[in-house]
Protein backbone atom coordinates (compact mmCIF):
# COMPACT_ATOMS: atom_id res chain seq x y z
CA UNK A 1 35.30 20.94 -34.58
CA UNK A 2 35.34 19.27 -31.18
CA UNK A 3 38.79 19.98 -29.51
CA UNK A 4 41.03 16.98 -29.59
CA UNK A 5 43.49 15.78 -26.93
CA UNK A 6 47.03 15.54 -28.29
CA UNK A 7 50.34 14.43 -26.72
CA UNK A 8 53.81 14.60 -27.91
CA UNK A 9 54.80 10.94 -28.17
CA UNK A 10 58.32 9.83 -27.67
CA UNK A 11 58.93 6.15 -28.47
CA UNK A 12 62.58 5.17 -28.58
CA UNK A 13 63.44 1.81 -30.13
CA UNK A 14 65.60 -0.80 -28.33
CA UNK A 15 64.44 0.49 -25.01
CA UNK A 16 60.82 -0.02 -26.06
CA UNK A 17 59.84 2.67 -23.51
CA UNK A 18 57.41 5.39 -24.11
CA UNK A 19 57.01 8.92 -22.83
CA UNK A 20 54.14 11.17 -23.52
CA UNK A 21 54.23 14.91 -22.84
CA UNK A 22 50.97 16.71 -22.48
CA UNK A 23 50.22 19.39 -25.01
CA UNK A 24 46.77 20.67 -25.06
CA UNK A 25 43.21 19.99 -24.22
CA UNK A 26 39.58 19.66 -23.73
CA UNK A 27 37.98 16.36 -22.87
CA UNK A 28 35.30 14.58 -24.84
CA UNK A 29 34.05 11.01 -24.68
CA UNK A 30 36.49 9.84 -27.32
CA UNK A 31 39.26 12.16 -26.21
CA UNK A 32 39.39 11.86 -22.44
CA UNK A 33 40.84 14.03 -19.70
CA UNK A 34 44.35 13.33 -18.49
CA UNK A 35 44.63 11.55 -15.08
CA UNK A 36 47.32 12.49 -12.54
CA UNK A 37 47.83 16.05 -13.72
CA UNK A 38 47.13 17.64 -10.38
CA UNK A 39 49.98 15.91 -8.45
CA UNK A 40 51.85 18.45 -6.33
CA UNK A 41 54.94 16.42 -5.49
CA UNK A 42 57.79 15.22 -7.63
CA UNK A 43 60.02 13.42 -5.16
CA UNK A 44 61.86 10.23 -6.15
CA UNK A 45 61.98 8.52 -2.71
CA UNK A 46 60.24 8.40 0.69
CA UNK A 47 61.06 7.07 4.11
CA UNK A 48 63.88 9.47 5.12
CA UNK A 49 67.52 9.18 4.38
CA UNK A 50 68.20 6.42 6.87
CA UNK A 51 65.61 4.04 5.37
CA UNK A 52 65.00 5.34 1.85
CA UNK A 53 62.20 3.67 -0.07
CA UNK A 54 62.26 4.03 -3.92
CA UNK A 55 59.23 5.37 -5.59
CA UNK A 56 58.31 4.23 -9.10
CA UNK A 57 56.14 6.71 -10.80
CA UNK A 58 54.04 7.12 -14.06
CA UNK A 59 53.48 10.89 -13.98
CA UNK A 60 56.24 13.48 -13.69
CA UNK A 61 56.30 17.33 -13.50
CA UNK A 62 52.63 17.76 -12.67
CA UNK A 63 51.43 15.97 -15.77
CA UNK A 64 54.11 17.06 -18.22
CA UNK A 65 55.54 13.60 -18.65
CA UNK A 66 53.61 10.28 -18.56
CA UNK A 67 55.38 7.00 -18.56
CA UNK A 68 53.07 4.69 -20.44
CA UNK A 69 55.35 1.70 -20.68
CA UNK A 70 54.82 -1.33 -18.32
CA UNK A 71 57.34 -2.39 -15.74
CA UNK A 72 59.11 -5.67 -16.39
CA UNK A 73 58.24 -8.11 -13.57
CA UNK A 74 58.00 -11.90 -13.27
CA UNK A 75 54.26 -11.64 -13.19
CA UNK A 76 53.90 -9.68 -16.45
CA UNK A 77 51.67 -11.51 -18.90
CA UNK A 78 53.38 -13.39 -21.73
CA UNK A 79 51.84 -14.38 -25.07
CA UNK A 80 49.65 -17.53 -24.76
CA UNK A 81 51.02 -18.40 -21.36
CA UNK A 82 49.35 -18.92 -17.97
CA UNK A 83 52.55 -18.38 -16.05
CA UNK A 84 53.59 -14.91 -17.04
CA UNK A 85 57.02 -13.92 -18.00
CA UNK A 86 58.83 -15.66 -15.10
CA UNK A 87 62.44 -14.95 -14.18
CA UNK A 88 64.11 -12.78 -16.78
CA UNK A 89 66.96 -11.16 -14.63
CA UNK A 90 70.05 -12.88 -13.14
CA UNK A 91 72.99 -11.47 -11.11
CA UNK A 92 76.09 -13.39 -12.42
CA UNK A 93 78.41 -10.75 -10.84
CA UNK A 94 77.54 -9.65 -7.36
CA UNK A 95 79.25 -7.31 -4.88
CA UNK A 96 78.18 -9.78 -2.14
CA UNK A 97 80.32 -12.45 -3.90
CA UNK A 98 83.30 -10.19 -4.22
CA UNK A 99 82.74 -8.37 -7.61
CA UNK A 100 83.54 -4.69 -7.96
CA UNK A 101 79.95 -3.97 -8.96
CA UNK A 102 76.55 -5.61 -9.40
CA UNK A 103 76.16 -6.62 -13.05
CA UNK A 104 72.82 -8.22 -14.03
CA UNK A 105 71.96 -10.20 -17.23
CA UNK A 106 68.54 -10.26 -18.83
CA UNK A 107 66.80 -12.77 -21.16
CA UNK A 108 63.48 -11.89 -22.78
CA UNK A 109 61.38 -12.57 -25.93
CA UNK A 110 61.42 -9.45 -28.13
CA UNK A 111 57.63 -9.01 -27.84
CA UNK A 112 57.47 -8.70 -24.09
CA UNK A 113 55.60 -5.94 -22.34
CA UNK A 114 55.48 -2.58 -24.12
CA UNK A 115 57.15 -3.38 -27.32
CA UNK A 116 57.29 -2.66 -31.19
CA UNK A 117 56.55 -4.96 -34.09
CA UNK A 118 58.85 -4.86 -37.08
CA UNK A 119 57.65 -5.83 -40.54
CA UNK A 120 59.62 -9.00 -40.31
CA UNK A 121 57.41 -10.20 -37.46
CA UNK A 122 54.64 -11.65 -39.62
CA UNK A 123 56.00 -11.26 -43.21
CA UNK A 124 58.98 -13.70 -43.87
CA UNK A 125 60.24 -11.94 -46.97
CA UNK A 126 60.74 -8.80 -44.89
CA UNK A 127 62.43 -10.84 -42.21
CA UNK A 128 64.83 -12.24 -44.78
CA UNK A 129 65.37 -8.74 -46.22
CA UNK A 130 66.39 -7.36 -42.80
CA UNK A 131 63.47 -5.13 -41.95
CA UNK A 132 64.04 -5.33 -38.23
CA UNK A 133 63.30 -2.80 -35.45
CA UNK A 134 66.48 -0.82 -36.27
CA UNK A 135 64.90 0.11 -39.69
CA UNK A 136 61.88 1.74 -38.09
CA UNK A 137 61.73 5.51 -38.52
CA UNK A 138 62.26 7.71 -35.42
CA UNK A 139 60.41 10.46 -37.22
CA UNK A 140 57.27 8.24 -37.09
CA UNK A 141 57.98 7.14 -33.56
CA UNK A 142 58.37 10.67 -32.21
CA UNK A 143 55.85 13.48 -32.42
CA UNK A 144 52.30 14.57 -31.77
CA UNK A 145 49.96 11.72 -30.93
CA UNK A 146 46.23 11.32 -30.38
CA UNK A 147 44.94 9.26 -27.48
CA UNK A 148 41.37 8.14 -28.03
CA UNK A 149 38.85 5.98 -26.11
CA UNK A 150 37.48 3.06 -28.07
CA UNK A 151 33.80 2.08 -27.34
CA UNK A 152 33.91 -0.61 -24.75
CA UNK A 153 32.97 -4.33 -25.39
CA UNK A 154 33.88 -4.03 -29.05
CA UNK A 155 36.87 -5.08 -31.11
CA UNK A 156 38.13 -2.29 -33.45
CA UNK A 157 36.11 -2.89 -36.61
CA UNK A 158 35.53 -0.77 -39.71
CA UNK A 159 32.41 0.58 -38.10
CA UNK A 160 34.20 1.47 -34.88
CA UNK A 161 37.02 3.17 -36.80
CA UNK A 162 34.53 5.23 -38.73
CA UNK A 163 32.80 6.26 -35.49
CA UNK A 164 35.94 7.62 -33.96
CA UNK A 165 36.15 10.37 -36.65
CA UNK A 166 39.99 10.58 -36.55
CA UNK A 167 40.83 13.67 -38.67
CA UNK A 168 43.11 13.47 -41.71
CA UNK A 169 46.61 14.56 -41.06
CA UNK A 170 46.79 12.66 -37.64
CA UNK A 171 49.80 10.27 -37.89
CA UNK A 172 50.03 8.75 -34.52
CA UNK A 173 47.15 7.29 -32.58
CA UNK A 174 47.03 5.38 -29.20
CA UNK A 175 43.85 3.31 -28.85
CA UNK A 176 42.68 2.97 -25.19
CA UNK A 177 40.27 0.09 -24.87
CA UNK A 178 38.45 -2.30 -22.42
CA UNK A 179 41.88 -3.90 -21.99
CA UNK A 180 42.89 -0.97 -19.72
CA UNK A 181 39.61 -1.11 -17.76
CA UNK A 182 40.12 -4.91 -17.20
CA UNK A 183 43.84 -4.29 -16.29
CA UNK A 184 44.88 -7.17 -18.51
CA UNK A 185 48.56 -6.07 -18.55
CA UNK A 186 48.56 -6.55 -14.69
CA UNK A 187 47.22 -10.18 -14.88
CA UNK A 188 49.81 -12.96 -15.12
CA UNK A 189 47.57 -15.23 -17.26
CA UNK A 190 47.22 -14.42 -20.94
CA UNK A 191 43.71 -13.48 -21.95
CA UNK A 192 42.58 -14.25 -25.46
CA UNK A 193 39.42 -12.16 -25.04
CA UNK A 194 41.45 -8.87 -25.21
CA UNK A 195 40.30 -6.03 -27.59
CA UNK A 196 42.11 -5.54 -30.79
CA UNK A 197 41.85 -4.72 -34.49
CA UNK A 198 39.68 -6.96 -36.71
CA UNK A 199 40.89 -7.19 -40.33
CA UNK A 200 38.18 -4.81 -41.63
CA UNK A 201 39.08 -2.21 -39.00
CA UNK A 202 42.79 -2.48 -40.05
CA UNK A 203 41.85 -2.09 -43.65
CA UNK A 204 39.69 0.99 -42.88
CA UNK A 205 42.51 2.60 -41.02
CA UNK A 206 45.00 2.09 -43.84
CA UNK A 207 42.56 3.26 -46.53
CA UNK A 208 40.98 6.21 -44.80
CA UNK A 209 43.45 7.71 -42.38
CA UNK A 210 47.04 9.07 -42.41
CA UNK A 211 48.01 7.05 -39.34
CA UNK A 212 51.65 5.69 -39.43
CA UNK A 213 51.92 4.76 -35.76
CA UNK A 214 49.33 2.58 -33.90
CA UNK A 215 49.41 1.87 -30.24
CA UNK A 216 47.23 -0.37 -28.06
CA UNK A 217 46.93 -1.45 -24.52
CA UNK A 218 47.59 -5.17 -24.64
CA UNK A 219 50.18 -7.59 -26.10
CA UNK A 220 48.84 -7.49 -29.69
CA UNK A 221 47.33 -4.75 -31.91
CA UNK A 222 45.23 -7.45 -33.58
CA UNK A 223 42.24 -9.24 -32.08
CA UNK A 224 43.02 -12.89 -31.31
CA UNK A 225 40.71 -14.18 -33.95
CA UNK A 226 42.17 -11.99 -36.69
CA UNK A 227 45.74 -12.13 -35.44
CA UNK A 228 47.76 -12.56 -38.65
CA UNK A 229 45.35 -10.95 -41.18
CA UNK A 230 45.26 -7.68 -39.21
CA UNK A 231 49.04 -7.69 -38.69
CA UNK A 232 49.63 -8.28 -42.40
CA UNK A 233 47.28 -5.42 -43.28
CA UNK A 234 49.30 -3.02 -41.19
CA UNK A 235 52.77 -4.23 -41.98
CA UNK A 236 52.47 -5.27 -45.61
CA UNK A 237 52.17 -1.67 -46.85
CA UNK A 238 55.91 -1.00 -46.97
CA UNK A 239 55.72 0.79 -50.29
CA UNK A 240 59.05 2.05 -51.59
CA UNK A 241 58.89 5.65 -50.51
CA UNK A 242 61.54 7.61 -52.40
CA UNK A 243 62.90 10.94 -51.22
CA UNK A 244 65.83 12.97 -52.49
CA UNK A 245 68.18 14.13 -49.80
CA UNK A 246 71.67 15.31 -49.32
CA UNK A 247 74.10 13.07 -47.44
CA UNK A 248 76.73 14.71 -45.27
CA UNK A 249 79.02 12.74 -42.97
CA UNK A 250 81.96 13.97 -41.01
CA UNK A 251 84.16 10.88 -41.45
CA UNK A 252 84.20 10.28 -45.19
CA UNK A 253 86.69 11.38 -47.71
CA UNK A 254 84.25 11.55 -50.61
CA UNK A 255 82.23 14.79 -51.17
CA UNK A 256 78.51 15.01 -50.33
CA UNK A 257 76.36 13.38 -52.98
CA UNK A 258 72.76 13.42 -54.01
CA UNK A 259 71.11 10.24 -52.72
CA UNK A 260 67.71 8.52 -52.95
CA UNK A 261 66.40 7.13 -49.76
CA UNK A 262 64.76 3.73 -50.61
CA UNK A 263 63.49 1.75 -47.60
CA UNK A 264 66.24 3.02 -45.40
CA UNK A 265 68.95 2.41 -48.00
CA UNK A 266 71.12 5.22 -49.28
CA UNK A 267 71.33 4.89 -53.07
CA UNK A 268 74.16 6.81 -54.79
CA UNK A 269 72.98 8.46 -57.96
CA UNK A 270 76.51 9.23 -59.30
CA UNK A 271 78.63 6.10 -59.16
CA UNK A 272 81.70 7.86 -60.53
CA UNK A 273 82.60 9.72 -57.36
CA UNK A 274 85.83 9.27 -55.29
CA UNK A 275 86.49 6.02 -53.51
CA UNK A 276 84.66 5.29 -50.28
CA UNK A 277 86.43 5.94 -46.99
CA UNK A 278 87.88 2.85 -45.42
CA UNK A 279 85.99 3.89 -42.28
CA UNK A 280 82.72 3.37 -44.02
CA UNK A 281 80.79 0.13 -44.38
CA UNK A 282 79.63 -0.49 -47.93
CA UNK A 283 76.46 -2.46 -48.24
CA UNK A 284 75.67 -4.02 -51.58
CA UNK A 285 71.88 -4.53 -52.13
CA UNK A 286 70.62 -6.38 -55.24
CA UNK A 287 66.91 -5.72 -55.65
CA UNK A 288 64.29 -6.51 -58.12
CA UNK A 289 62.31 -3.34 -58.86
CA UNK A 290 59.14 -2.97 -60.88
CA UNK A 291 58.12 0.26 -62.53
CA UNK A 292 55.95 0.96 -59.42
CA UNK A 293 58.70 0.12 -56.88
CA UNK A 294 56.93 -2.73 -55.14
CA UNK A 295 58.22 -4.30 -51.89
CA UNK A 296 61.84 -5.32 -52.36
CA UNK A 297 63.53 -8.49 -51.14
CA UNK A 298 67.22 -7.65 -51.18
CA UNK A 299 70.29 -9.62 -50.39
CA UNK A 300 73.15 -7.91 -48.65
CA UNK A 301 76.90 -8.20 -48.38
CA UNK A 302 79.04 -6.18 -46.04
CA UNK A 303 82.58 -5.13 -46.68
CA UNK A 304 84.78 -3.25 -44.23
CA UNK A 305 88.43 -2.26 -43.85
CA UNK A 306 89.25 -1.70 -47.49
CA UNK A 307 88.64 1.05 -50.07
CA UNK A 308 86.31 0.36 -52.92
CA UNK A 309 85.56 2.47 -56.06
CA UNK A 310 81.80 2.58 -56.82
CA UNK A 311 82.19 1.73 -60.50
CA UNK A 312 83.71 -1.63 -59.44
CA UNK A 313 80.21 -2.88 -58.48
CA UNK A 314 77.85 -0.67 -60.46
CA UNK A 315 75.47 -2.50 -62.75
CA UNK A 316 72.21 -1.52 -64.29
CA UNK A 317 70.05 -3.51 -66.65
CA UNK A 318 67.01 -1.74 -67.97
CA UNK A 319 65.55 -4.84 -69.44
CA UNK A 320 65.09 -6.84 -66.21
CA UNK A 321 65.21 -3.84 -63.98
CA UNK A 322 67.79 -5.16 -61.67
CA UNK A 323 69.54 -2.41 -59.81
CA UNK A 324 72.62 -2.62 -57.63
CA UNK A 325 72.28 -0.20 -54.78
CA UNK A 326 75.19 1.31 -52.75
CA UNK A 327 74.47 2.05 -49.17
CA UNK A 328 77.09 3.98 -47.01
CA UNK A 329 76.59 3.20 -43.33
CA UNK A 330 78.80 5.72 -41.57
CA UNK A 331 79.59 5.64 -37.85
CA UNK A 332 78.05 9.06 -37.25
CA UNK A 333 74.98 9.46 -35.36
CA UNK A 334 71.90 8.93 -37.58
CA UNK A 335 69.95 12.19 -38.36
CA UNK A 336 66.16 12.16 -39.06
CA UNK A 337 64.13 15.14 -40.22
CA UNK A 338 64.49 17.98 -42.76
CA UNK A 339 62.22 20.58 -41.12
CA UNK A 340 62.68 22.82 -38.07
CA UNK A 341 63.31 19.83 -35.74
CA UNK A 342 66.05 17.33 -36.32
CA UNK A 343 66.38 14.00 -34.45
CA UNK A 344 69.93 12.63 -33.78
CA UNK A 345 70.02 9.01 -32.75
CA UNK A 346 72.98 8.78 -30.39
CA UNK A 347 72.43 5.16 -29.51
CA UNK A 348 74.82 2.49 -30.76
CA UNK A 349 73.25 -0.44 -32.52
CA UNK A 350 73.41 -3.65 -30.69
CA UNK A 351 75.34 -6.07 -32.81
CA UNK A 352 77.58 -9.11 -32.27
CA UNK A 353 80.61 -6.77 -32.92
CA UNK A 354 79.83 -4.48 -29.98
CA UNK A 355 82.56 -4.27 -27.36
CA UNK A 356 81.89 -5.51 -23.77
CA UNK A 357 83.50 -4.24 -20.60
CA UNK A 358 86.81 -5.68 -19.73
CA UNK A 359 86.71 -8.33 -22.38
CA UNK A 360 88.85 -8.88 -25.49
CA UNK A 361 85.82 -10.66 -27.10
CA UNK A 362 82.99 -8.76 -28.58
CA UNK A 363 79.33 -9.26 -27.50
CA UNK A 364 78.86 -12.18 -29.92
CA UNK A 365 75.54 -13.98 -30.61
CA UNK A 366 72.79 -12.41 -28.45
CA UNK A 367 69.55 -12.92 -30.35
CA UNK A 368 67.85 -16.11 -31.46
CA UNK A 369 64.71 -16.98 -33.51
CA UNK A 370 62.65 -19.11 -31.21
CA UNK A 371 59.55 -19.14 -33.48
CA UNK A 372 59.98 -19.17 -37.20
CA UNK A 373 57.50 -18.84 -40.09
CA UNK A 374 59.68 -21.07 -42.14
CA UNK A 375 59.25 -23.79 -39.55
CA UNK A 376 55.50 -23.51 -39.40
CA UNK A 377 54.96 -20.87 -36.86
CA UNK A 378 52.44 -18.05 -37.46
CA UNK A 379 55.07 -15.40 -36.79
CA UNK A 380 58.84 -14.79 -36.35
CA UNK A 381 59.63 -14.28 -32.65
CA UNK A 382 63.15 -13.75 -31.39
CA UNK A 383 64.57 -13.89 -27.90
CA UNK A 384 67.63 -11.98 -26.71
CA UNK A 385 70.16 -12.33 -23.86
CA UNK A 386 72.21 -9.29 -22.85
CA UNK A 387 74.12 -7.88 -19.95
CA UNK A 388 72.30 -4.83 -18.54
CA UNK A 389 75.39 -2.66 -19.20
CA UNK A 390 75.58 -3.48 -22.96
CA UNK A 391 76.16 -0.70 -25.43
CA UNK A 392 74.37 2.60 -24.81
CA UNK A 393 73.00 2.12 -21.23
CA UNK A 394 72.17 3.70 -17.98
CA UNK A 395 73.56 2.87 -14.48
CA UNK A 396 71.26 2.68 -11.50
CA UNK A 397 72.56 3.51 -7.92
CA UNK A 398 72.34 -0.26 -7.22
CA UNK A 399 75.25 -0.88 -9.69
CA UNK A 400 77.99 0.17 -7.18
CA UNK A 401 76.01 0.22 -3.92
CA UNK A 402 74.98 -3.11 -2.35
CA UNK A 403 72.74 -1.16 0.16
CA UNK A 404 70.88 0.43 -2.73
CA UNK A 405 70.63 -2.90 -4.52
CA UNK A 406 68.91 -4.40 -1.54
CA UNK A 407 66.66 -1.40 -1.05
CA UNK A 408 65.43 -1.57 -4.67
CA UNK A 409 67.06 1.52 -6.29
CA UNK A 410 67.00 -0.07 -9.82
CA UNK A 411 66.56 1.45 -13.26
CA UNK A 412 62.77 1.57 -12.84
CA UNK A 413 63.28 4.22 -10.10
CA UNK A 414 65.27 6.58 -12.32
CA UNK A 415 63.61 9.95 -12.91
CA UNK A 416 62.30 10.54 -16.41
CA UNK A 417 62.56 14.23 -15.65
CA UNK A 418 66.28 13.83 -15.32
CA UNK A 419 66.50 11.56 -18.40
CA UNK A 420 64.62 14.00 -20.66
CA UNK A 421 65.15 17.83 -21.15
CA UNK A 422 67.59 20.42 -22.27
CA UNK A 423 71.20 19.10 -22.50
CA UNK A 424 74.62 20.53 -23.22
CA UNK A 425 77.14 18.67 -25.36
CA UNK A 426 80.73 19.61 -24.53
CA UNK A 427 84.07 18.73 -26.17
CA UNK A 428 86.59 17.53 -23.63
CA UNK A 429 90.26 18.47 -24.31
CA UNK A 430 91.89 15.44 -26.03
CA UNK A 431 94.46 13.20 -24.42
CA UNK A 432 93.11 13.91 -20.97
CA UNK A 433 90.94 12.13 -18.51
CA UNK A 434 88.19 14.31 -16.99
CA UNK A 435 89.93 15.75 -13.84
CA UNK A 436 88.90 18.57 -11.63
CA UNK A 437 91.16 20.87 -13.67
CA UNK A 438 89.44 19.74 -16.97
CA UNK A 439 86.02 20.27 -15.44
CA UNK A 440 86.97 23.74 -14.31
CA UNK A 441 88.31 24.56 -17.77
CA UNK A 442 85.01 23.61 -19.42
CA UNK A 443 83.15 26.56 -17.69
CA UNK A 444 79.82 24.72 -17.43
CA UNK A 445 77.32 27.29 -16.08
CA UNK A 446 75.26 26.80 -13.03
CA UNK A 447 71.71 25.79 -13.91
CA UNK A 448 72.82 23.26 -16.58
CA UNK A 449 71.29 19.94 -15.40
CA UNK A 450 72.31 17.56 -18.30
CA UNK A 451 75.75 17.34 -19.95
CA UNK A 452 77.10 14.84 -22.50
CA UNK A 453 80.90 14.60 -22.64
CA UNK A 454 82.37 14.03 -26.04
CA UNK A 455 85.95 12.76 -25.63
CA UNK A 456 88.84 11.13 -27.49
CA UNK A 457 86.84 7.96 -27.18
CA UNK A 458 84.71 9.15 -30.22
CA UNK A 459 87.78 10.19 -32.28
CA UNK A 460 89.32 6.67 -31.66
CA UNK A 461 86.02 4.97 -32.51
CA UNK A 462 86.28 2.81 -29.45
CA UNK A 463 82.71 1.75 -29.53
CA UNK A 464 83.28 0.35 -33.05
CA UNK A 465 86.14 -1.95 -31.98
CA UNK A 466 85.48 -5.54 -30.78
CA UNK A 467 88.19 -5.44 -28.09
CA UNK A 468 87.73 -3.52 -24.90
CA UNK A 469 90.11 -0.66 -24.48
CA UNK A 470 91.17 -0.03 -20.88
CA UNK A 471 92.89 3.28 -21.92
CA UNK A 472 89.56 5.03 -22.66
CA UNK A 473 88.81 8.53 -21.46
CA UNK A 474 86.64 8.86 -18.42
CA UNK A 475 86.19 10.76 -15.10
CA UNK A 476 88.90 10.68 -12.50
CA UNK A 477 87.72 10.78 -8.91
CA UNK A 478 88.65 14.46 -8.45
CA UNK A 479 86.71 15.37 -11.59
CA UNK A 480 83.62 13.54 -10.34
CA UNK A 481 83.86 15.29 -7.01
CA UNK A 482 84.26 18.70 -8.77
CA UNK A 483 81.16 18.03 -10.81
CA UNK A 484 79.10 17.18 -7.69
CA UNK A 485 80.45 20.20 -5.60
CA UNK A 486 80.46 22.83 -8.30
CA UNK A 487 77.74 22.18 -10.87
CA UNK A 488 73.98 21.48 -10.98
CA UNK A 489 74.45 18.56 -13.31
CA UNK A 490 71.90 15.59 -12.69
CA UNK A 491 72.48 13.67 -15.85
CA UNK A 492 76.03 12.88 -17.09
CA UNK A 493 76.71 11.08 -20.32
CA UNK A 494 79.89 9.74 -22.04
CA UNK A 495 81.01 8.00 -25.22
CA UNK A 496 82.32 4.73 -23.92
CA UNK A 497 81.23 1.85 -21.72
CA UNK A 498 82.08 3.55 -18.42
CA UNK A 499 81.80 7.11 -17.05
CA UNK A 500 84.86 6.53 -14.91
CA UNK A 501 88.48 6.15 -16.05
CA UNK A 502 89.46 2.48 -15.79
CA UNK A 503 91.75 3.02 -12.84
CA UNK A 504 89.13 5.03 -10.87
CA UNK A 505 86.07 2.90 -11.70
CA UNK A 506 84.69 2.33 -8.16
CA UNK A 507 85.63 5.72 -6.52
CA UNK A 508 84.16 7.76 -9.45
CA UNK A 509 80.94 5.78 -9.54
CA UNK A 510 80.53 6.01 -5.78
CA UNK A 511 80.81 9.80 -5.89
CA UNK A 512 78.33 10.19 -8.74
CA UNK A 513 75.77 7.64 -7.51
CA UNK A 514 75.85 8.10 -3.78
CA UNK A 515 73.22 10.85 -3.66
CA UNK A 516 70.84 8.90 -6.02
CA UNK A 517 70.27 12.21 -7.78
CA UNK A 518 72.66 11.83 -10.60
CA UNK A 519 71.86 9.50 -13.60
CA UNK A 520 74.75 8.08 -15.56
CA UNK A 521 74.44 7.31 -19.32
CA UNK A 522 77.33 5.38 -20.91
CA UNK A 523 78.23 4.18 -24.45
CA UNK A 524 76.78 7.16 -26.37
CA UNK A 525 77.36 7.66 -30.04
CA UNK A 526 78.54 11.28 -30.32
CA UNK A 527 80.23 11.05 -33.56
CA UNK A 528 79.10 13.91 -35.80
CA UNK A 529 77.40 15.67 -32.91
CA UNK A 530 78.64 19.30 -32.59
CA UNK A 531 79.09 20.84 -29.13
CA UNK A 532 76.13 22.92 -28.17
CA UNK A 533 72.53 22.89 -26.72
CA UNK A 534 70.01 20.18 -27.60
CA UNK A 535 67.12 18.39 -26.01
CA UNK A 536 67.84 14.76 -24.86
CA UNK A 537 65.51 11.87 -24.42
CA UNK A 538 66.95 8.69 -22.88
CA UNK A 539 64.42 5.88 -22.13
CA UNK A 540 65.64 2.69 -20.49
CA UNK A 541 63.31 -0.35 -20.05
CA UNK A 542 61.45 -0.37 -16.77
CA UNK A 543 63.40 -3.33 -15.44
CA UNK A 544 62.43 -3.97 -11.86
CA UNK A 545 65.59 -5.23 -10.03
CA UNK A 546 68.00 -4.32 -12.68
CA UNK A 547 71.29 -2.32 -11.87
CA UNK A 548 71.51 -1.02 -15.43
CA UNK A 549 69.78 -1.25 -18.75
CA UNK A 550 70.34 -0.61 -22.42
CA UNK A 551 68.58 2.55 -23.43
CA UNK A 552 67.62 4.39 -26.65
CA UNK A 553 68.91 7.96 -26.53
CA UNK A 554 68.09 10.82 -29.01
CA UNK A 555 68.84 14.42 -29.33
CA UNK A 556 66.59 16.94 -30.95
CA UNK A 557 67.56 20.37 -32.17
């Protein structure tokens, strides 16, 4: 068999950013060679220390990491628009105007730039049922991927798909087309002549391959003339896949129970177990199920703060096959994978209840449906408005340094080599901020470049409270200085909205960000994560001009 060219694909939701890590390979026409693998430098800036110039790269580590997501700029193309994305970033809090730090705000359609489609995008019953991007499977989004070259001057038809000879067993494929040669993603004006899947090509893929993730090099996987039919072929096939698993959570009082995983819902088989913990969120899902478990259209009700016994709600009627499903949504980091590699999602979901810095009000309404199938549009398209330091996020040097803000040291200049790699999770002594004394007591060895600090913030569930808590645990100035002087740490993460203790916000950030070598990740979900060694992947959006950005972070072990 002709050798294929595979990559390890890491695609983390929310941030909609992608990394590929090279794995093997001999080139063929369909499976091309890798550009940029012979780079000999890996520096993050140029121009000397007096006048530093940020460098934005696509290739890191001599071809070990490829950033294949597009930068967000005002000239990025936007669907069916001649004017591009336009302004998407504002600076409502500026150091020039007397604020302690620069804090940007962004507003974008959810299908901007490098992005994902959820089933609810073109199928309204899935939208109503809640099949959003948060329900997409990180096991599908992360793993070996095949990059192939599509014959030029052709849309992807059944004939083209057959000619590519994609082997069975390949689950993730990125299709490189004429769109890349024409540099369509670098042109402001939307181009309807882009290459995409025709309906018969989509049907051939679904019928004859094992592909579960499809990537393409323009704003739509479907050709413009077959826009909705091709999308429906790909997204309609949400069969009710059922797997038996064991649920274990660290914050529930009831014992582990056998469960069935049904479209991302945990279904308790034994409804006579002990009461749910008051820390859990109980989701009631009423679904119509046929004998073949077709697509379900559930309605949901959320209950929190009280204790419920399962038998209070249990109902089963074999005649009309109505089933009441119980889903326990704990606050622990979500775990994917049963094999040798497990994926821990340590990102907090962005919801209206999420706390925001220095505010007694939660985030509130942040996403709107600007195009709706119910109102006659072809697809559901949302738009969101968020502060760049919302939830799990990264800080750029420009957050606390006006000079760096003006020089362009934004989130798009942060090194993916720093944001991905081996990491150490450490437990910080409770009831203490992270001082020099605490840092010394943790005995972090030299050579460790990435550390996530699990603190009392996790025990107190601060990221699950609407009101901001100014007494959170963070770094004191002397703790930050000890880290810089006595460790090799280049990525530092913590489990609340700021790395620094509230009273030391500016001094601590200045110490950590001054060198532009340390990346700060804040708002991590470390509940249920044991101290130890993992591999971390944090991928922020490539926001040109942003002093921070929400990011999707995962651990693998």
